N, C-alpha and C. Protein backbone atom coordinates (compact mmCIF):
# COMPACT_ATOMS: atom_id res chain seq x y z
N MET A 1 62.02 -37.34 18.59
CA MET A 1 62.92 -36.95 17.52
C MET A 1 62.27 -35.85 16.68
N GLU A 2 63.03 -34.85 16.40
CA GLU A 2 62.54 -33.71 15.64
C GLU A 2 62.50 -34.03 14.15
N LYS A 3 61.47 -33.54 13.48
CA LYS A 3 61.34 -33.76 12.04
C LYS A 3 62.32 -32.87 11.29
N LEU A 4 62.69 -33.28 10.09
CA LEU A 4 63.55 -32.46 9.25
C LEU A 4 62.77 -31.33 8.60
N PHE A 5 61.54 -31.62 8.17
CA PHE A 5 60.73 -30.62 7.49
C PHE A 5 59.29 -30.67 7.99
N TYR A 6 58.68 -29.52 8.05
CA TYR A 6 57.29 -29.37 8.47
C TYR A 6 56.49 -28.75 7.33
N SER A 7 55.28 -29.22 7.14
CA SER A 7 54.41 -28.61 6.13
C SER A 7 53.91 -27.27 6.67
N ILE A 8 53.33 -26.48 5.81
CA ILE A 8 52.82 -25.18 6.24
C ILE A 8 51.68 -25.36 7.24
N SER A 9 50.88 -26.41 7.09
CA SER A 9 49.80 -26.64 8.05
C SER A 9 50.35 -27.05 9.41
N GLU A 10 51.43 -27.82 9.42
CA GLU A 10 52.07 -28.18 10.69
C GLU A 10 52.68 -26.95 11.35
N ALA A 11 53.31 -26.09 10.56
CA ALA A 11 53.88 -24.86 11.10
C ALA A 11 52.78 -23.98 11.69
N ALA A 12 51.67 -23.86 10.99
CA ALA A 12 50.55 -23.06 11.48
C ALA A 12 50.00 -23.65 12.78
N SER A 13 49.90 -24.96 12.85
CA SER A 13 49.41 -25.62 14.06
C SER A 13 50.33 -25.38 15.24
N ILE A 14 51.62 -25.44 15.02
CA ILE A 14 52.61 -25.20 16.08
C ILE A 14 52.44 -23.78 16.63
N LEU A 15 52.19 -22.83 15.75
CA LEU A 15 52.05 -21.43 16.15
C LEU A 15 50.66 -21.10 16.67
N GLY A 16 49.70 -21.94 16.37
CA GLY A 16 48.32 -21.64 16.73
C GLY A 16 47.71 -20.56 15.86
N GLU A 17 48.17 -20.50 14.62
CA GLU A 17 47.71 -19.49 13.66
C GLU A 17 47.20 -20.17 12.41
N SER A 18 46.67 -19.39 11.49
CA SER A 18 46.14 -19.94 10.24
C SER A 18 47.26 -20.15 9.22
N VAL A 19 46.99 -21.03 8.29
CA VAL A 19 47.94 -21.30 7.20
C VAL A 19 48.17 -20.03 6.38
N SER A 20 47.10 -19.28 6.15
CA SER A 20 47.24 -18.07 5.34
C SER A 20 48.15 -17.04 6.03
N LEU A 21 48.11 -16.96 7.35
CA LEU A 21 48.98 -16.03 8.06
C LEU A 21 50.44 -16.47 7.97
N VAL A 22 50.69 -17.76 8.10
CA VAL A 22 52.06 -18.27 7.96
C VAL A 22 52.58 -17.99 6.55
N ARG A 23 51.73 -18.18 5.55
CA ARG A 23 52.12 -17.90 4.17
C ARG A 23 52.42 -16.40 4.01
N PHE A 24 51.58 -15.55 4.60
CA PHE A 24 51.77 -14.10 4.53
C PHE A 24 53.09 -13.71 5.19
N TRP A 25 53.38 -14.24 6.37
CA TRP A 25 54.64 -13.93 7.05
C TRP A 25 55.83 -14.42 6.24
N THR A 26 55.70 -15.59 5.63
CA THR A 26 56.80 -16.11 4.80
C THR A 26 57.08 -15.17 3.65
N ASN A 27 56.04 -14.66 3.02
CA ASN A 27 56.21 -13.73 1.92
C ASN A 27 56.70 -12.36 2.40
N SER A 28 56.36 -11.99 3.63
CA SER A 28 56.73 -10.68 4.17
C SER A 28 58.16 -10.63 4.70
N PHE A 29 58.74 -11.78 5.02
CA PHE A 29 60.08 -11.85 5.57
C PHE A 29 60.98 -12.74 4.70
N PRO A 30 61.18 -12.38 3.43
CA PRO A 30 61.94 -13.26 2.53
C PRO A 30 63.41 -13.41 2.91
N ARG A 31 63.97 -12.44 3.61
CA ARG A 31 65.37 -12.55 4.03
C ARG A 31 65.54 -13.49 5.21
N LEU A 32 64.48 -13.67 5.99
CA LEU A 32 64.55 -14.51 7.18
C LEU A 32 63.96 -15.90 6.97
N LEU A 33 62.98 -16.01 6.08
CA LEU A 33 62.30 -17.28 5.84
C LEU A 33 62.39 -17.66 4.37
N GLN A 34 63.01 -18.78 4.12
CA GLN A 34 63.11 -19.29 2.75
C GLN A 34 62.87 -20.80 2.76
N PRO A 35 61.60 -21.19 2.99
CA PRO A 35 61.32 -22.62 3.03
C PRO A 35 61.57 -23.27 1.67
N ARG A 36 61.98 -24.50 1.71
CA ARG A 36 62.18 -25.20 0.44
C ARG A 36 60.84 -25.62 -0.11
N ARG A 37 60.80 -25.91 -1.39
CA ARG A 37 59.55 -26.29 -2.06
C ARG A 37 59.64 -27.73 -2.54
N THR A 38 58.51 -28.41 -2.46
CA THR A 38 58.43 -29.76 -3.01
C THR A 38 58.24 -29.64 -4.52
N ALA A 39 58.22 -30.77 -5.21
CA ALA A 39 57.99 -30.77 -6.65
C ALA A 39 56.62 -30.18 -6.99
N LYS A 40 55.68 -30.30 -6.08
CA LYS A 40 54.33 -29.75 -6.28
C LYS A 40 54.26 -28.28 -5.90
N GLY A 41 55.33 -27.74 -5.32
CA GLY A 41 55.34 -26.33 -4.95
C GLY A 41 54.95 -26.05 -3.51
N ASN A 42 54.73 -27.11 -2.72
CA ASN A 42 54.37 -26.92 -1.31
C ASN A 42 55.59 -26.50 -0.50
N ARG A 43 55.37 -25.59 0.45
CA ARG A 43 56.45 -25.13 1.30
C ARG A 43 56.79 -26.18 2.35
N GLN A 44 58.08 -26.32 2.63
CA GLN A 44 58.55 -27.20 3.69
C GLN A 44 59.48 -26.39 4.59
N TYR A 45 59.11 -26.30 5.88
CA TYR A 45 59.83 -25.49 6.84
C TYR A 45 60.76 -26.35 7.68
N THR A 46 61.95 -25.84 7.94
CA THR A 46 62.89 -26.52 8.84
C THR A 46 62.58 -26.11 10.27
N ALA A 47 63.23 -26.76 11.24
CA ALA A 47 63.06 -26.38 12.64
C ALA A 47 63.51 -24.94 12.85
N GLN A 48 64.55 -24.51 12.16
CA GLN A 48 65.02 -23.13 12.26
C GLN A 48 63.96 -22.16 11.73
N ASP A 49 63.30 -22.54 10.63
CA ASP A 49 62.21 -21.71 10.10
C ASP A 49 61.08 -21.58 11.12
N ILE A 50 60.77 -22.67 11.81
CA ILE A 50 59.72 -22.65 12.82
C ILE A 50 60.11 -21.69 13.95
N GLU A 51 61.37 -21.72 14.35
CA GLU A 51 61.84 -20.80 15.40
C GLU A 51 61.73 -19.35 14.93
N THR A 52 62.05 -19.10 13.68
CA THR A 52 61.92 -17.75 13.13
C THR A 52 60.46 -17.32 13.12
N LEU A 53 59.58 -18.22 12.74
CA LEU A 53 58.14 -17.92 12.77
C LEU A 53 57.67 -17.64 14.19
N ARG A 54 58.20 -18.37 15.17
CA ARG A 54 57.84 -18.11 16.57
C ARG A 54 58.28 -16.70 16.99
N LYS A 55 59.44 -16.30 16.55
CA LYS A 55 59.93 -14.96 16.87
C LYS A 55 59.02 -13.90 16.24
N ILE A 56 58.66 -14.12 14.98
CA ILE A 56 57.76 -13.19 14.30
C ILE A 56 56.42 -13.14 15.03
N HIS A 57 55.90 -14.30 15.40
CA HIS A 57 54.64 -14.38 16.14
C HIS A 57 54.73 -13.58 17.43
N TYR A 58 55.80 -13.77 18.17
CA TYR A 58 55.98 -13.05 19.43
C TYR A 58 55.99 -11.54 19.21
N LEU A 59 56.77 -11.09 18.25
CA LEU A 59 56.89 -9.65 18.03
C LEU A 59 55.62 -9.03 17.50
N VAL A 60 54.95 -9.71 16.59
CA VAL A 60 53.76 -9.14 15.96
C VAL A 60 52.51 -9.33 16.81
N LYS A 61 52.27 -10.54 17.28
CA LYS A 61 51.03 -10.84 18.00
C LYS A 61 51.10 -10.48 19.48
N VAL A 62 52.23 -10.78 20.14
CA VAL A 62 52.34 -10.54 21.58
C VAL A 62 52.74 -9.10 21.86
N LYS A 63 53.78 -8.63 21.18
CA LYS A 63 54.29 -7.28 21.43
C LYS A 63 53.55 -6.20 20.62
N GLY A 64 52.79 -6.60 19.62
CA GLY A 64 51.99 -5.65 18.84
C GLY A 64 52.79 -4.82 17.85
N MET A 65 53.92 -5.32 17.41
CA MET A 65 54.76 -4.57 16.47
C MET A 65 54.23 -4.70 15.05
N THR A 66 54.59 -3.74 14.21
CA THR A 66 54.29 -3.84 12.79
C THR A 66 55.27 -4.83 12.16
N LEU A 67 54.98 -5.25 10.94
CA LEU A 67 55.89 -6.17 10.26
C LEU A 67 57.26 -5.53 10.05
N GLU A 68 57.27 -4.26 9.70
CA GLU A 68 58.53 -3.55 9.49
C GLU A 68 59.30 -3.45 10.80
N GLY A 69 58.59 -3.15 11.87
CA GLY A 69 59.22 -3.06 13.18
C GLY A 69 59.76 -4.39 13.64
N ALA A 70 59.01 -5.45 13.39
CA ALA A 70 59.46 -6.79 13.77
C ALA A 70 60.71 -7.18 12.99
N ALA A 71 60.74 -6.87 11.70
CA ALA A 71 61.91 -7.19 10.87
C ALA A 71 63.13 -6.44 11.38
N ALA A 72 62.95 -5.15 11.70
CA ALA A 72 64.06 -4.35 12.19
C ALA A 72 64.54 -4.88 13.54
N GLN A 73 63.62 -5.25 14.41
CA GLN A 73 63.98 -5.78 15.73
C GLN A 73 64.75 -7.08 15.60
N MET A 74 64.31 -7.94 14.71
CA MET A 74 64.97 -9.23 14.53
C MET A 74 66.38 -9.07 13.97
N GLU A 75 66.54 -8.12 13.09
CA GLU A 75 67.87 -7.87 12.53
C GLU A 75 68.80 -7.25 13.56
N ALA A 76 68.28 -6.34 14.37
CA ALA A 76 69.10 -5.58 15.31
C ALA A 76 69.46 -6.38 16.56
N ASP A 77 68.54 -7.18 17.04
CA ASP A 77 68.72 -7.79 18.36
C ASP A 77 68.27 -9.24 18.35
N LYS A 78 68.94 -10.07 17.61
CA LYS A 78 68.53 -11.46 17.42
C LYS A 78 68.50 -12.24 18.73
N GLY A 79 69.51 -12.11 19.57
CA GLY A 79 69.59 -12.88 20.81
C GLY A 79 68.51 -12.56 21.80
N SER A 80 68.18 -11.31 21.95
CA SER A 80 67.18 -10.89 22.93
C SER A 80 65.80 -11.42 22.59
N VAL A 81 65.44 -11.34 21.33
CA VAL A 81 64.12 -11.84 20.90
C VAL A 81 64.06 -13.34 21.12
N GLU A 82 65.12 -14.05 20.79
CA GLU A 82 65.14 -15.50 20.94
C GLU A 82 64.97 -15.90 22.40
N LYS A 83 65.61 -15.20 23.32
CA LYS A 83 65.49 -15.50 24.74
C LYS A 83 64.06 -15.30 25.22
N ARG A 84 63.42 -14.24 24.77
CA ARG A 84 62.04 -13.97 25.18
C ARG A 84 61.09 -15.02 24.65
N VAL A 85 61.29 -15.44 23.41
CA VAL A 85 60.43 -16.46 22.82
C VAL A 85 60.59 -17.77 23.57
N LYS A 86 61.81 -18.16 23.89
CA LYS A 86 62.04 -19.41 24.63
C LYS A 86 61.43 -19.34 26.03
N ALA A 87 61.56 -18.19 26.69
CA ALA A 87 60.97 -18.04 28.02
C ALA A 87 59.46 -18.16 27.95
N LEU A 88 58.86 -17.56 26.95
CA LEU A 88 57.41 -17.62 26.78
C LEU A 88 56.96 -19.06 26.52
N ASP A 89 57.70 -19.80 25.69
CA ASP A 89 57.37 -21.20 25.43
C ASP A 89 57.49 -22.04 26.71
N SER A 90 58.52 -21.79 27.50
CA SER A 90 58.69 -22.51 28.77
C SER A 90 57.53 -22.24 29.71
N LEU A 91 57.10 -21.00 29.79
CA LEU A 91 55.98 -20.66 30.66
C LEU A 91 54.68 -21.33 30.18
N ARG A 92 54.49 -21.41 28.87
CA ARG A 92 53.30 -22.08 28.34
C ARG A 92 53.30 -23.57 28.70
N ARG A 93 54.48 -24.20 28.58
CA ARG A 93 54.57 -25.62 28.94
C ARG A 93 54.31 -25.83 30.42
N ILE A 94 54.82 -24.95 31.27
CA ILE A 94 54.59 -25.04 32.71
C ILE A 94 53.11 -24.89 33.01
N ARG A 95 52.45 -23.94 32.34
CA ARG A 95 51.02 -23.73 32.54
C ARG A 95 50.24 -24.99 32.16
N GLU A 96 50.62 -25.62 31.03
CA GLU A 96 49.94 -26.84 30.60
C GLU A 96 50.12 -27.95 31.63
N GLN A 97 51.33 -28.09 32.17
CA GLN A 97 51.61 -29.11 33.18
C GLN A 97 50.80 -28.84 34.45
N LEU A 98 50.74 -27.59 34.88
CA LEU A 98 49.97 -27.25 36.07
C LEU A 98 48.48 -27.51 35.87
N THR A 99 47.99 -27.24 34.67
CA THR A 99 46.58 -27.49 34.36
C THR A 99 46.30 -28.97 34.43
N GLU A 100 47.21 -29.80 33.90
CA GLU A 100 47.05 -31.24 33.96
C GLU A 100 47.07 -31.75 35.39
N ILE A 101 47.96 -31.22 36.20
CA ILE A 101 48.04 -31.62 37.62
C ILE A 101 46.75 -31.24 38.34
N LYS A 102 46.27 -30.05 38.09
CA LYS A 102 45.04 -29.57 38.72
C LYS A 102 43.86 -30.47 38.34
N ALA A 103 43.81 -30.85 37.07
CA ALA A 103 42.72 -31.69 36.59
C ALA A 103 42.76 -33.09 37.21
N SER A 104 43.96 -33.56 37.54
CA SER A 104 44.08 -34.92 38.10
C SER A 104 43.78 -34.95 39.59
N LEU A 105 43.68 -33.79 40.23
CA LEU A 105 43.39 -33.76 41.67
C LEU A 105 41.94 -34.00 41.97
């Protein structure tokens, strides 16, 4: 079952990045990411926010785009970026499964 909200440290762990980078991306993409805040001021990300962070991660870290370029790409071609991110996640899961199978042999 999927959680309703993720802490910033959980979001960072999902992406394999640092908390400070997730915070930086959140501040850099205010139109795309608007996590809710707890009474203490901690950010809480939805599953949709996590998907948006994955897209940003793909464009910036994998494709090597600037933040401005990534924002423009996400606005212009939302479906294409999403398909690539999902394909990349599927390939990572397959690699993990193959590694587990190899280790069990």
